[in-house]
């Protein structure tokens, strides 16, 4: 089973991800949190995450949020996970800084549930 961590302040997005998980060809388990700090407070024991999806809305202040994401390399369950950012179309991103933090995908919302399932499948 593949494990996905989704970081977003939106409860609606959390619910959407839970529904979309069933559309992914691989069996997945999704864990949703509201902030990078909450992700970093996850227990260090347990199965490693395979994918971390970060909604731009969870990075309250871009620079400090990116610094927090830099702490993923110190967290045993997060360090090796693929990292993907989802953001509002036209958002001002810190793409170079995020690439330095091993982000491999950047996707603009809105997208269909099937498109999100494909994004997840492509990065697992």
PDB file of N, CA and C in Angstrom:
ATOM      1  N   UNK A   1       0.845  -1.183   0.000  1.00  0.00           N
ATOM      2  CA  UNK A   1       0.000   0.000   0.000  1.00  0.00           C
ATOM      3  C   UNK A   1       0.884   1.238   0.000  1.00  0.00           C
ATOM      4  N   UNK A   2       0.544   2.199  -0.859  1.00  0.00           N
ATOM      5  CA  UNK A   2       1.275   3.462  -0.943  1.00  0.00           C
ATOM      6  C   UNK A   2       0.653   4.467   0.012  1.00  0.00           C
ATOM      7  N   UNK A   3       1.496   5.303   0.607  1.00  0.00           N
ATOM      8  CA  UNK A   3       1.017   6.302   1.563  1.00  0.00           C
ATOM      9  C   UNK A   3       1.215   7.706   1.005  1.00  0.00           C
ATOM     10  N   UNK A   4       0.144   8.489   1.114  1.00  0.00           N
ATOM     11  CA  UNK A   4       0.153   9.871   0.640  1.00  0.00           C
ATOM     12  C   UNK A   4      -0.092  10.790   1.833  1.00  0.00           C
ATOM     13  N   UNK A   5       0.705  11.841   1.933  1.00  0.00           N
ATOM     14  CA  UNK A   5       0.464  12.895   2.913  1.00  0.00           C
ATOM     15  C   UNK A   5      -0.001  14.115   2.136  1.00  0.00           C
ATOM     16  N   UNK A   6      -1.151  14.663   2.510  1.00  0.00           N
ATOM     17  CA  UNK A   6      -1.689  15.845   1.848  1.00  0.00           C
ATOM     18  C   UNK A   6      -1.721  16.985   2.853  1.00  0.00           C
ATOM     19  N   UNK A   7      -1.055  18.085   2.516  1.00  0.00           N
ATOM     20  CA  UNK A   7      -0.990  19.256   3.390  1.00  0.00           C
ATOM     21  C   UNK A   7      -1.814  20.357   2.745  1.00  0.00           C
ATOM     22  N   UNK A   8      -2.949  20.696   3.382  1.00  0.00           N
ATOM     23  CA  UNK A   8      -3.843  21.735   2.867  1.00  0.00           C
ATOM     24  C   UNK A   8      -4.693  22.268   4.003  1.00  0.00           C
ATOM     25  N   UNK A   9      -4.975  23.556   3.962  1.00  0.00           N
ATOM     26  CA  UNK A   9      -5.859  24.152   4.969  1.00  0.00           C
ATOM     27  C   UNK A   9      -7.325  23.916   4.662  1.00  0.00           C
ATOM     28  N   UNK A  10      -7.613  23.388   3.495  1.00  0.00           N
ATOM     29  CA  UNK A  10      -8.992  23.231   3.050  1.00  0.00           C
ATOM     30  C   UNK A  10      -9.537  21.845   3.400  1.00  0.00           C
ATOM     31  N   UNK A  11     -10.560  21.810   4.248  1.00  0.00           N
ATOM     32  CA  UNK A  11     -11.224  20.532   4.577  1.00  0.00           C
ATOM     33  C   UNK A  11     -11.889  19.945   3.336  1.00  0.00           C
ATOM     34  N   UNK A  12     -12.392  20.796   2.464  1.00  0.00           N
ATOM     35  CA  UNK A  12     -12.996  20.316   1.229  1.00  0.00           C
ATOM     36  C   UNK A  12     -11.963  19.569   0.394  1.00  0.00           C
ATOM     37  N   UNK A  13     -10.756  20.101   0.308  1.00  0.00           N
ATOM     38  CA  UNK A  13      -9.686  19.422  -0.431  1.00  0.00           C
ATOM     39  C   UNK A  13      -9.325  18.098   0.227  1.00  0.00           C
ATOM     40  N   UNK A  14      -9.327  18.066   1.561  1.00  0.00           N
ATOM     41  CA  UNK A  14      -9.047  16.809   2.264  1.00  0.00           C
ATOM     42  C   UNK A  14     -10.077  15.751   1.875  1.00  0.00           C
ATOM     43  N   UNK A  15     -11.354  16.149   1.872  1.00  0.00           N
ATOM     44  CA  UNK A  15     -12.422  15.212   1.509  1.00  0.00           C
ATOM     45  C   UNK A  15     -12.299  14.767   0.053  1.00  0.00           C
ATOM     46  N   UNK A  16     -11.947  15.706  -0.823  1.00  0.00           N
ATOM     47  CA  UNK A  16     -11.759  15.369  -2.231  1.00  0.00           C
ATOM     48  C   UNK A  16     -10.647  14.343  -2.391  1.00  0.00           C
ATOM     49  N   UNK A  17      -9.530  14.561  -1.696  1.00  0.00           N
ATOM     50  CA  UNK A  17      -8.426  13.617  -1.822  1.00  0.00           C
ATOM     51  C   UNK A  17      -8.833  12.223  -1.349  1.00  0.00           C
ATOM     52  N   UNK A  18      -9.592  12.139  -0.281  1.00  0.00           N
ATOM     53  CA  UNK A  18     -10.037  10.829   0.205  1.00  0.00           C
ATOM     54  C   UNK A  18     -10.885  10.134  -0.867  1.00  0.00           C
ATOM     55  N   UNK A  19     -11.735  10.879  -1.550  1.00  0.00           N
ATOM     56  CA  UNK A  19     -12.569  10.298  -2.603  1.00  0.00           C
ATOM     57  C   UNK A  19     -11.730   9.915  -3.822  1.00  0.00           C
ATOM     58  N   UNK A  20     -10.756  10.749  -4.165  1.00  0.00           N
ATOM     59  CA  UNK A  20      -9.919  10.494  -5.341  1.00  0.00           C
ATOM     60  C   UNK A  20      -9.004   9.293  -5.116  1.00  0.00           C
ATOM     61  N   UNK A  21      -8.629   9.031  -3.884  1.00  0.00           N
ATOM     62  CA  UNK A  21      -7.735   7.909  -3.590  1.00  0.00           C
ATOM     63  C   UNK A  21      -8.276   6.604  -4.165  1.00  0.00           C
ATOM     64  N   UNK A  22      -9.585   6.469  -4.191  1.00  0.00           N
ATOM     65  CA  UNK A  22     -10.199   5.250  -4.744  1.00  0.00           C
ATOM     66  C   UNK A  22     -10.007   5.147  -6.262  1.00  0.00           C
ATOM     67  N   UNK A  23      -9.727   6.262  -6.934  1.00  0.00           N
ATOM     68  CA  UNK A  23      -9.547   6.257  -8.389  1.00  0.00           C
ATOM     69  C   UNK A  23      -8.118   5.936  -8.819  1.00  0.00           C
ATOM     70  N   UNK A  24      -7.189   5.965  -7.880  1.00  0.00           N
ATOM     71  CA  UNK A  24      -5.785   5.710  -8.203  1.00  0.00           C
ATOM     72  C   UNK A  24      -5.606   4.212  -8.409  1.00  0.00           C
ATOM     73  N   UNK A  25      -4.939   3.812  -9.512  1.00  0.00           N
ATOM     74  CA  UNK A  25      -4.789   2.381  -9.795  1.00  0.00           C
ATOM     75  C   UNK A  25      -4.101   1.596  -8.675  1.00  0.00           C
ATOM     76  N   UNK A  26      -3.155   2.231  -7.980  1.00  0.00           N
ATOM     77  CA  UNK A  26      -2.483   1.570  -6.863  1.00  0.00           C
ATOM     78  C   UNK A  26      -3.290   1.794  -5.595  1.00  0.00           C
ATOM     79  N   UNK A  27      -3.229   0.856  -4.681  1.00  0.00           N
ATOM     80  CA  UNK A  27      -3.934   1.013  -3.412  1.00  0.00           C
ATOM     81  C   UNK A  27      -3.193   2.060  -2.582  1.00  0.00           C
ATOM     82  N   UNK A  28      -3.914   3.081  -2.137  1.00  0.00           N
ATOM     83  CA  UNK A  28      -3.282   4.166  -1.392  1.00  0.00           C
ATOM     84  C   UNK A  28      -4.020   4.438  -0.088  1.00  0.00           C
ATOM     85  N   UNK A  29      -3.256   4.951   0.853  1.00  0.00           N
ATOM     86  CA  UNK A  29      -3.805   5.437   2.113  1.00  0.00           C
ATOM     87  C   UNK A  29      -3.420   6.904   2.218  1.00  0.00           C
ATOM     88  N   UNK A  30      -4.394   7.772   2.435  1.00  0.00           N
ATOM     89  CA  UNK A  30      -4.136   9.208   2.504  1.00  0.00           C
ATOM     90  C   UNK A  30      -4.230   9.704   3.936  1.00  0.00           C
ATOM     91  N   UNK A  31      -3.264  10.517   4.314  1.00  0.00           N
ATOM     92  CA  UNK A  31      -3.247  11.204   5.599  1.00  0.00           C
ATOM     93  C   UNK A  31      -3.302  12.688   5.276  1.00  0.00           C
ATOM     94  N   UNK A  32      -4.230  13.415   5.894  1.00  0.00           N
ATOM     95  CA  UNK A  32      -4.384  14.845   5.629  1.00  0.00           C
ATOM     96  C   UNK A  32      -4.054  15.655   6.872  1.00  0.00           C
ATOM     97  N   UNK A  33      -3.268  16.705   6.691  1.00  0.00           N
ATOM     98  CA  UNK A  33      -2.947  17.649   7.758  1.00  0.00           C
ATOM     99  C   UNK A  33      -3.128  19.059   7.217  1.00  0.00           C
ATOM    100  N   UNK A  34      -3.177  20.042   8.114  1.00  0.00           N
ATOM    101  CA  UNK A  34      -3.456  21.418   7.694  1.00  0.00           C
ATOM    102  C   UNK A  34      -2.232  22.306   7.532  1.00  0.00           C
ATOM    103  N   UNK A  35      -1.065  21.852   7.984  1.00  0.00           N
ATOM    104  CA  UNK A  35       0.118  22.706   7.892  1.00  0.00           C
ATOM    105  C   UNK A  35       1.378  21.861   7.798  1.00  0.00           C
ATOM    106  N   UNK A  36       2.453  22.501   7.356  1.00  0.00           N
ATOM    107  CA  UNK A  36       3.742  21.827   7.300  1.00  0.00           C
ATOM    108  C   UNK A  36       4.185  21.476   8.717  1.00  0.00           C
ATOM    109  N   UNK A  37       3.936  22.369   9.672  1.00  0.00           N
ATOM    110  CA  UNK A  37       4.303  22.097  11.070  1.00  0.00           C
ATOM    111  C   UNK A  37       3.593  20.844  11.580  1.00  0.00           C
ATOM    112  N   UNK A  38       2.320  20.685  11.231  1.00  0.00           N
ATOM    113  CA  UNK A  38       1.577  19.496  11.638  1.00  0.00           C
ATOM    114  C   UNK A  38       2.167  18.243  10.982  1.00  0.00           C
ATOM    115  N   UNK A  39       2.593  18.349   9.730  1.00  0.00           N
ATOM    116  CA  UNK A  39       3.232  17.219   9.044  1.00  0.00           C
ATOM    117  C   UNK A  39       4.524  16.832   9.752  1.00  0.00           C
ATOM    118  N   UNK A  40       5.289  17.839  10.165  1.00  0.00           N
ATOM    119  CA  UNK A  40       6.550  17.570  10.848  1.00  0.00           C
ATOM    120  C   UNK A  40       6.337  16.985  12.236  1.00  0.00           C
ATOM    121  N   UNK A  41       5.128  17.157  12.802  1.00  0.00           N
ATOM    122  CA  UNK A  41       4.848  16.606  14.134  1.00  0.00           C
ATOM    123  C   UNK A  41       4.318  15.171  14.071  1.00  0.00           C
ATOM    124  N   UNK A  42       4.151  14.621  12.854  1.00  0.00           N
ATOM    125  CA  UNK A  42       3.721  13.221  12.736  1.00  0.00           C
ATOM    126  C   UNK A  42       4.747  12.324  13.421  1.00  0.00           C
ATOM    127  N   UNK A  43       4.284  11.222  13.999  1.00  0.00           N
ATOM    128  CA  UNK A  43       5.244  10.302  14.623  1.00  0.00           C
ATOM    129  C   UNK A  43       6.307   9.872  13.613  1.00  0.00           C
ATOM    130  N   UNK A  44       7.555   9.798  14.069  1.00  0.00           N
ATOM    131  CA  UNK A  44       8.657   9.424  13.180  1.00  0.00           C
ATOM    132  C   UNK A  44       8.689   7.924  12.933  1.00  0.00           C
ATOM    133  N   UNK A  45       8.018   7.176  13.756  1.00  0.00           N
ATOM    134  CA  UNK A  45       7.933   5.729  13.551  1.00  0.00           C
ATOM    135  C   UNK A  45       6.772   5.422  12.628  1.00  0.00           C
ATOM    136  N   UNK A  46       6.867   4.314  11.963  1.00  0.00           N
ATOM    137  CA  UNK A  46       5.801   3.923  11.052  1.00  0.00           C
ATOM    138  C   UNK A  46       6.285   3.930   9.623  1.00  0.00           C
ATOM    139  N   UNK A  47       5.397   3.561   8.735  1.00  0.00           N
ATOM    140  CA  UNK A  47       5.747   3.474   7.311  1.00  0.00           C
ATOM    141  C   UNK A  47       6.039   4.857   6.739  1.00  0.00           C
ATOM    142  N   UNK A  48       7.032   4.893   5.868  1.00  0.00           N
ATOM    143  CA  UNK A  48       7.392   6.145   5.213  1.00  0.00           C
ATOM    144  C   UNK A  48       6.306   6.551   4.226  1.00  0.00           C
ATOM    145  N   UNK A  49       6.156   7.830   4.013  1.00  0.00           N
ATOM    146  CA  UNK A  49       5.238   8.354   3.013  1.00  0.00           C
ATOM    147  C   UNK A  49       5.868   8.192   1.632  1.00  0.00           C
ATOM    148  N   UNK A  50       5.061   7.863   0.640  1.00  0.00           N
ATOM    149  CA  UNK A  50       5.549   7.724  -0.728  1.00  0.00           C
ATOM    150  C   UNK A  50       5.395   9.016  -1.518  1.00  0.00           C
ATOM    151  N   UNK A  51       4.423   9.845  -1.110  1.00  0.00           N
ATOM    152  CA  UNK A  51       4.135  11.085  -1.822  1.00  0.00           C
ATOM    153  C   UNK A  51       3.651  12.129  -0.829  1.00  0.00           C
ATOM    154  N   UNK A  52       4.175  13.336  -0.965  1.00  0.00           N
ATOM    155  CA  UNK A  52       3.692  14.474  -0.181  1.00  0.00           C
ATOM    156  C   UNK A  52       3.120  15.482  -1.177  1.00  0.00           C
ATOM    157  N   UNK A  53       1.813  15.725  -1.073  1.00  0.00           N
ATOM    158  CA  UNK A  53       1.134  16.748  -1.869  1.00  0.00           C
ATOM    159  C   UNK A  53       0.987  17.978  -0.990  1.00  0.00           C
ATOM    160  N   UNK A  54       1.469  19.108  -1.460  1.00  0.00           N
ATOM    161  CA  UNK A  54       1.365  20.346  -0.684  1.00  0.00           C
ATOM    162  C   UNK A  54       0.504  21.325  -1.460  1.00  0.00           C
ATOM    163  N   UNK A  55      -0.571  21.778  -0.833  1.00  0.00           N
ATOM    164  CA  UNK A  55      -1.410  22.824  -1.408  1.00  0.00           C
ATOM    165  C   UNK A  55      -0.768  24.153  -1.016  1.00  0.00           C
ATOM    166  N   UNK A  56      -0.574  25.027  -1.998  1.00  0.00           N
ATOM    167  CA  UNK A  56       0.075  26.319  -1.759  1.00  0.00           C
ATOM    168  C   UNK A  56      -0.579  27.062  -0.601  1.00  0.00           C
ATOM    169  N   UNK A  57      -1.895  26.845  -0.373  1.00  0.00           N
ATOM    170  CA  UNK A  57      -2.582  27.553   0.709  1.00  0.00           C
ATOM    171  C   UNK A  57      -2.063  27.158   2.088  1.00  0.00           C
ATOM    172  N   UNK A  58      -1.326  26.052   2.198  1.00  0.00           N
ATOM    173  CA  UNK A  58      -0.779  25.621   3.489  1.00  0.00           C
ATOM    174  C   UNK A  58       0.518  26.338   3.822  1.00  0.00           C
ATOM    175  N   UNK A  59       1.080  27.025   2.848  1.00  0.00           N
ATOM    176  CA  UNK A  59       2.313  27.781   3.092  1.00  0.00           C
ATOM    177  C   UNK A  59       1.934  29.219   3.386  1.00  0.00           C
ATOM    178  N   UNK A  60       1.652  29.505   4.656  1.00  0.00           N
ATOM    179  CA  UNK A  60       1.144  30.830   5.035  1.00  0.00           C
ATOM    180  C   UNK A  60       2.037  31.940   4.519  1.00  0.00           C
ATOM    181  N   UNK A  61       3.280  31.822   4.790  1.00  0.00           N
ATOM    182  CA  UNK A  61       4.237  32.778   4.287  1.00  0.00           C
ATOM    183  C   UNK A  61       5.222  31.962   3.470  1.00  0.00           C
ATOM    184  N   UNK A  62       5.317  32.215   2.203  1.00  0.00           N
ATOM    185  CA  UNK A  62       6.061  31.330   1.298  1.00  0.00           C
ATOM    186  C   UNK A  62       7.460  31.000   1.797  1.00  0.00           C
ATOM    187  N   UNK A  63       8.237  31.994   2.124  1.00  0.00           N
ATOM    188  CA  UNK A  63       9.631  31.737   2.512  1.00  0.00           C
ATOM    189  C   UNK A  63       9.720  30.886   3.770  1.00  0.00           C
ATOM    190  N   UNK A  64       8.921  31.178   4.800  1.00  0.00           N
ATOM    191  CA  UNK A  64       9.003  30.384   6.028  1.00  0.00           C
ATOM    192  C   UNK A  64       8.447  28.985   5.794  1.00  0.00           C
ATOM    193  N   UNK A  65       7.424  28.864   4.950  1.00  0.00           N
ATOM    194  CA  UNK A  65       6.880  27.553   4.628  1.00  0.00           C
ATOM    195  C   UNK A  65       7.887  26.689   3.902  1.00  0.00           C
ATOM    196  N   UNK A  66       8.637  27.299   2.995  1.00  0.00           N
ATOM    197  CA  UNK A  66       9.662  26.565   2.261  1.00  0.00           C
ATOM    198  C   UNK A  66      10.775  26.142   3.213  1.00  0.00           C
ATOM    199  N   UNK A  67      11.134  27.000   4.162  1.00  0.00           N
ATOM    200  CA  UNK A  67      12.136  26.623   5.168  1.00  0.00           C
ATOM    201  C   UNK A  67      11.646  25.430   5.985  1.00  0.00           C
ATOM    202  N   UNK A  68      10.344  25.444   6.353  1.00  0.00           N
ATOM    203  CA  UNK A  68       9.789  24.312   7.096  1.00  0.00           C
ATOM    204  C   UNK A  68       9.866  23.032   6.272  1.00  0.00           C
ATOM    205  N   UNK A  69       9.539  23.121   4.988  1.00  0.00           N
ATOM    206  CA  UNK A  69       9.601  21.947   4.117  1.00  0.00           C
ATOM    207  C   UNK A  69      11.027  21.403   4.064  1.00  0.00           C
ATOM    208  N   UNK A  70      12.002  22.287   4.183  1.00  0.00           N
ATOM    209  CA  UNK A  70      13.398  21.851   4.223  1.00  0.00           C
ATOM    210  C   UNK A  70      13.686  20.906   5.373  1.00  0.00           C
ATOM    211  N   UNK A  71      12.842  20.917   6.398  1.00  0.00           N
ATOM    212  CA  UNK A  71      13.026  20.020   7.544  1.00  0.00           C
ATOM    213  C   UNK A  71      12.540  18.601   7.249  1.00  0.00           C
ATOM    214  N   UNK A  72      11.897  18.383   6.097  1.00  0.00           N
ATOM    215  CA  UNK A  72      11.451  17.037   5.733  1.00  0.00           C
ATOM    216  C   UNK A  72      12.630  16.061   5.700  1.00  0.00           C
ATOM    217  N   UNK A  73      13.810  16.553   5.289  1.00  0.00           N
ATOM    218  CA  UNK A  73      14.955  15.640   5.187  1.00  0.00           C
ATOM    219  C   UNK A  73      15.386  15.104   6.552  1.00  0.00           C
ATOM    220  N   UNK A  74      14.930  15.725   7.637  1.00  0.00           N
ATOM    221  CA  UNK A  74      15.237  15.254   8.989  1.00  0.00           C
ATOM    222  C   UNK A  74      14.152  14.344   9.558  1.00  0.00           C
ATOM    223  N   UNK A  75      13.082  14.149   8.808  1.00  0.00           N
ATOM    224  CA  UNK A  75      11.951  13.347   9.296  1.00  0.00           C
ATOM    225  C   UNK A  75      11.950  12.013   8.556  1.00  0.00           C
ATOM    226  N   UNK A  76      12.153  10.933   9.280  1.00  0.00           N
ATOM    227  CA  UNK A  76      12.321   9.612   8.677  1.00  0.00           C
ATOM    228  C   UNK A  76      11.185   9.219   7.754  1.00  0.00           C
ATOM    229  N   UNK A  77       9.955   9.589   8.071  1.00  0.00           N
ATOM    230  CA  UNK A  77       8.804   9.179   7.252  1.00  0.00           C
ATOM    231  C   UNK A  77       8.595  10.075   6.034  1.00  0.00           C
ATOM    232  N   UNK A  78       9.234  11.246   5.999  1.00  0.00           N
ATOM    233  CA  UNK A  78       9.001  12.212   4.918  1.00  0.00           C
ATOM    234  C   UNK A  78      10.191  12.395   3.987  1.00  0.00           C
ATOM    235  N   UNK A  79      11.371  12.022   4.443  1.00  0.00           N
ATOM    236  CA  UNK A  79      12.588  12.389   3.716  1.00  0.00           C
ATOM    237  C   UNK A  79      12.655  11.866   2.282  1.00  0.00           C
ATOM    238  N   UNK A  80      12.202  10.656   2.017  1.00  0.00           N
ATOM    239  CA  UNK A  80      12.337  10.088   0.685  1.00  0.00           C
ATOM    240  C   UNK A  80      11.108  10.211  -0.194  1.00  0.00           C
ATOM    241  N   UNK A  81      10.076  10.861   0.301  1.00  0.00           N
ATOM    242  CA  UNK A  81       8.814  10.956  -0.445  1.00  0.00           C
ATOM    243  C   UNK A  81       8.931  11.901  -1.640  1.00  0.00           C
ATOM    244  N   UNK A  82       8.257  11.534  -2.733  1.00  0.00           N
ATOM    245  CA  UNK A  82       8.117  12.458  -3.855  1.00  0.00           C
ATOM    246  C   UNK A  82       7.317  13.663  -3.367  1.00  0.00           C
ATOM    247  N   UNK A  83       7.600  14.846  -3.901  1.00  0.00           N
ATOM    248  CA  UNK A  83       6.934  16.075  -3.452  1.00  0.00           C
ATOM    249  C   UNK A  83       6.304  16.789  -4.629  1.00  0.00           C
ATOM    250  N   UNK A  84       5.033  17.149  -4.457  1.00  0.00           N
ATOM    251  CA  UNK A  84       4.267  17.809  -5.517  1.00  0.00           C
ATOM    252  C   UNK A  84       3.538  19.002  -4.918  1.00  0.00           C
ATOM    253  N   UNK A  85       3.544  20.116  -5.637  1.00  0.00           N
ATOM    254  CA  UNK A  85       2.820  21.309  -5.212  1.00  0.00           C
ATOM    255  C   UNK A  85       1.594  21.493  -6.086  1.00  0.00           C
ATOM    256  N   UNK A  86       0.447  21.753  -5.456  1.00  0.00           N
ATOM    257  CA  UNK A  86      -0.736  22.170  -6.205  1.00  0.00           C
ATOM    258  C   UNK A  86      -1.032  23.608  -5.798  1.00  0.00           C
ATOM    259  N   UNK A  87      -1.444  24.405  -6.762  1.00  0.00           N
ATOM    260  CA  UNK A  87      -1.600  25.841  -6.505  1.00  0.00           C
ATOM    261  C   UNK A  87      -2.694  26.426  -7.372  1.00  0.00           C
ATOM    262  N   UNK A  88      -3.139  27.608  -6.982  1.00  0.00           N
ATOM    263  CA  UNK A  88      -4.132  28.330  -7.769  1.00  0.00           C
ATOM    264  C   UNK A  88      -3.467  28.846  -9.040  1.00  0.00           C
ATOM    265  N   UNK A  89      -4.216  28.805 -10.116  1.00  0.00           N
ATOM    266  CA  UNK A  89      -3.705  29.313 -11.391  1.00  0.00           C
ATOM    267  C   UNK A  89      -3.295  30.777 -11.199  1.00  0.00           C
ATOM    268  N   UNK A  90      -2.124  31.120 -11.693  1.00  0.00           N
ATOM    269  CA  UNK A  90      -1.645  32.492 -11.598  1.00  0.00           C
ATOM    270  C   UNK A  90      -0.966  32.822 -10.276  1.00  0.00           C
ATOM    271  N   UNK A  91      -0.823  31.838  -9.387  1.00  0.00           N
ATOM    272  CA  UNK A  91      -0.170  32.100  -8.099  1.00  0.00           C
ATOM    273  C   UNK A  91       1.309  32.403  -8.325  1.00  0.00           C
ATOM    274  N   UNK A  92       1.823  33.275  -7.486  1.00  0.00           N
ATOM    275  CA  UNK A  92       3.244  33.593  -7.544  1.00  0.00           C
ATOM    276  C   UNK A  92       3.984  32.518  -6.738  1.00  0.00           C
ATOM    277  N   UNK A  93       4.733  31.680  -7.433  1.00  0.00           N
ATOM    278  CA  UNK A  93       5.392  30.549  -6.787  1.00  0.00           C
ATOM    279  C   UNK A  93       6.877  30.815  -6.579  1.00  0.00           C
ATOM    280  N   UNK A  94       7.445  30.116  -5.657  1.00  0.00           N
ATOM    281  CA  UNK A  94       8.870  30.127  -5.414  1.00  0.00           C
ATOM    282  C   UNK A  94       9.412  28.815  -6.001  1.00  0.00           C
ATOM    283  N   UNK A  95       9.205  28.635  -7.310  1.00  0.00           N
ATOM    284  CA  UNK A  95       9.472  27.347  -7.945  1.00  0.00           C
ATOM    285  C   UNK A  95      10.934  26.913  -7.803  1.00  0.00           C
ATOM    286  N   UNK A  96      11.888  27.815  -7.987  1.00  0.00           N
ATOM    287  CA  UNK A  96      13.297  27.425  -7.863  1.00  0.00           C
ATOM    288  C   UNK A  96      13.621  26.946  -6.459  1.00  0.00           C
ATOM    289  N   UNK A  97      13.110  27.657  -5.454  1.00  0.00           N
ATOM    290  CA  UNK A  97      13.345  27.255  -4.072  1.00  0.00           C
ATOM    291  C   UNK A  97      12.701  25.906  -3.779  1.00  0.00           C
ATOM    292  N   UNK A  98      11.521  25.672  -4.335  1.00  0.00           N
ATOM    293  CA  UNK A  98      10.844  24.397  -4.128  1.00  0.00           C
ATOM    294  C   UNK A  98      11.572  23.261  -4.843  1.00  0.00           C
ATOM    295  N   UNK A  99      12.112  23.524  -6.019  1.00  0.00           N
ATOM    296  CA  UNK A  99      12.904  22.492  -6.712  1.00  0.00           C
ATOM    297  C   UNK A  99      14.123  22.115  -5.886  1.00  0.00           C
ATOM    298  N   UNK A 100      14.714  23.094  -5.191  1.00  0.00           N
ATOM    299  CA  UNK A 100      15.845  22.809  -4.307  1.00  0.00           C
ATOM    300  C   UNK A 100      15.416  21.899  -3.147  1.00  0.00           C
ATOM    301  N   UNK A 101      14.120  21.907  -2.830  1.00  0.00           N
ATOM    302  CA  UNK A 101      13.577  21.046  -1.770  1.00  0.00           C
ATOM    303  C   UNK A 101      13.009  19.750  -2.352  1.00  0.00           C
ATOM    304  N   UNK A 102      13.432  19.405  -3.571  1.00  0.00           N
ATOM    305  CA  UNK A 102      13.082  18.146  -4.246  1.00  0.00           C
ATOM    306  C   UNK A 102      11.630  18.055  -4.688  1.00  0.00           C
ATOM    307  N   UNK A 103      10.985  19.176  -4.974  1.00  0.00           N
ATOM    308  CA  UNK A 103       9.645  19.122  -5.566  1.00  0.00           C
ATOM    309  C   UNK A 103       9.798  18.761  -7.038  1.00  0.00           C
ATOM    310  N   UNK A 104       9.014  17.787  -7.474  1.00  0.00           N
ATOM    311  CA  UNK A 104       9.152  17.308  -8.843  1.00  0.00           C
ATOM    312  C   UNK A 104       7.947  17.644  -9.714  1.00  0.00           C
ATOM    313  N   UNK A 105       6.885  18.173  -9.114  1.00  0.00           N
ATOM    314  CA  UNK A 105       5.700  18.496  -9.890  1.00  0.00           C
ATOM    315  C   UNK A 105       5.019  19.746  -9.374  1.00  0.00           C
ATOM    316  N   UNK A 106       4.482  20.530 -10.314  1.00  0.00           N
ATOM    317  CA  UNK A 106       3.769  21.761  -9.999  1.00  0.00           C
ATOM    318  C   UNK A 106       2.503  21.764 -10.847  1.00  0.00           C
ATOM    319  N   UNK A 107       1.338  21.762 -10.207  1.00  0.00           N
ATOM    320  CA  UNK A 107       0.067  21.648 -10.926  1.00  0.00           C
ATOM    321  C   UNK A 107      -0.888  22.752 -10.493  1.00  0.00           C
ATOM    322  N   UNK A 108      -1.487  23.431 -11.478  1.00  0.00           N
ATOM    323  CA  UNK A 108      -2.430  24.518 -11.202  1.00  0.00           C
ATOM    324  C   UNK A 108      -3.850  23.979 -11.090  1.00  0.00           C
ATOM    325  N   UNK A 109      -4.559  24.432 -10.046  1.00  0.00           N
ATOM    326  CA  UNK A 109      -5.976  24.110  -9.891  1.00  0.00           C
ATOM    327  C   UNK A 109      -6.756  25.055 -10.794  1.00  0.00           C
ATOM    328  N   UNK A 110      -7.920  24.784 -11.197  1.00  0.00           N
ATOM    329  CA  UNK A 110      -8.688  23.573 -10.878  1.00  0.00           C
ATOM    330  C   UNK A 110      -8.341  22.437 -11.824  1.00  0.00           C
ATOM    331  N   UNK A 111      -8.573  21.232 -11.346  1.00  0.00           N
ATOM    332  CA  UNK A 111      -8.459  20.057 -12.188  1.00  0.00           C
ATOM    333  C   UNK A 111      -9.536  19.072 -11.776  1.00  0.00           C
ATOM    334  N   UNK A 112      -9.843  18.153 -12.667  1.00  0.00           N
ATOM    335  CA  UNK A 112     -10.867  17.153 -12.408  1.00  0.00           C
ATOM    336  C   UNK A 112     -10.341  16.088 -11.458  1.00  0.00           C
ATOM    337  N   UNK A 113     -11.244  15.370 -10.812  1.00  0.00           N
ATOM    338  CA  UNK A 113     -10.857  14.297  -9.905  1.00  0.00           C
ATOM    339  C   UNK A 113      -9.978  13.277 -10.624  1.00  0.00           C
ATOM    340  N   UNK A 114     -10.326  12.943 -11.862  1.00  0.00           N
ATOM    341  CA  UNK A 114      -9.542  11.980 -12.632  1.00  0.00           C
ATOM    342  C   UNK A 114      -8.137  12.505 -12.908  1.00  0.00           C
ATOM    343  N   UNK A 115      -8.024  13.810 -13.119  1.00  0.00           N
ATOM    344  CA  UNK A 115      -6.708  14.410 -13.349  1.00  0.00           C
ATOM    345  C   UNK A 115      -5.858  14.345 -12.082  1.00  0.00           C
ATOM    346  N   UNK A 116      -6.469  14.591 -10.920  1.00  0.00           N
ATOM    347  CA  UNK A 116      -5.743  14.485  -9.653  1.00  0.00           C
ATOM    348  C   UNK A 116      -5.311  13.039  -9.415  1.00  0.00           C
ATOM    349  N   UNK A 117      -6.168  12.081  -9.743  1.00  0.00           N
ATOM    350  CA  UNK A 117      -5.796  10.672  -9.596  1.00  0.00           C
ATOM    351  C   UNK A 117      -4.593  10.349 -10.480  1.00  0.00           C
ATOM    352  N   UNK A 118      -4.544  10.897 -11.692  1.00  0.00           N
ATOM    353  CA  UNK A 118      -3.427  10.668 -12.584  1.00  0.00           C
ATOM    354  C   UNK A 118      -2.150  11.307 -12.039  1.00  0.00           C
ATOM    355  N   UNK A 119      -2.264  12.524 -11.505  1.00  0.00           N
ATOM    356  CA  UNK A 119      -1.112  13.196 -10.904  1.00  0.00           C
ATOM    357  C   UNK A 119      -0.541  12.318  -9.787  1.00  0.00           C
ATOM    358  N   UNK A 120      -1.414  11.827  -8.930  1.00  0.00           N
ATOM    359  CA  UNK A 120      -0.974  10.977  -7.822  1.00  0.00           C
ATOM    360  C   UNK A 120      -0.322   9.714  -8.360  1.00  0.00           C
ATOM    361  N   UNK A 121      -0.990   9.048  -9.288  1.00  0.00           N
ATOM    362  CA  UNK A 121      -0.435   7.819  -9.864  1.00  0.00           C
ATOM    363  C   UNK A 121       0.905   8.018 -10.534  1.00  0.00           C
ATOM    364  N   UNK A 122       1.074   9.143 -11.216  1.00  0.00           N
ATOM    365  CA  UNK A 122       2.326   9.427 -11.912  1.00  0.00           C
ATOM    366  C   UNK A 122       3.501   9.620 -10.949  1.00  0.00           C
ATOM    367  N   UNK A 123       3.229  10.040  -9.720  1.00  0.00           N
ATOM    368  CA  UNK A 123       4.300  10.339  -8.767  1.00  0.00           C
ATOM    369  C   UNK A 123       4.501   9.232  -7.732  1.00  0.00           C
ATOM    370  N   UNK A 124       3.707   8.179  -7.799  1.00  0.00           N
ATOM    371  CA  UNK A 124       3.896   7.067  -6.861  1.00  0.00           C
ATOM    372  C   UNK A 124       4.849   6.040  -7.436  1.00  0.00           C
TER     373      UNK A 124
END
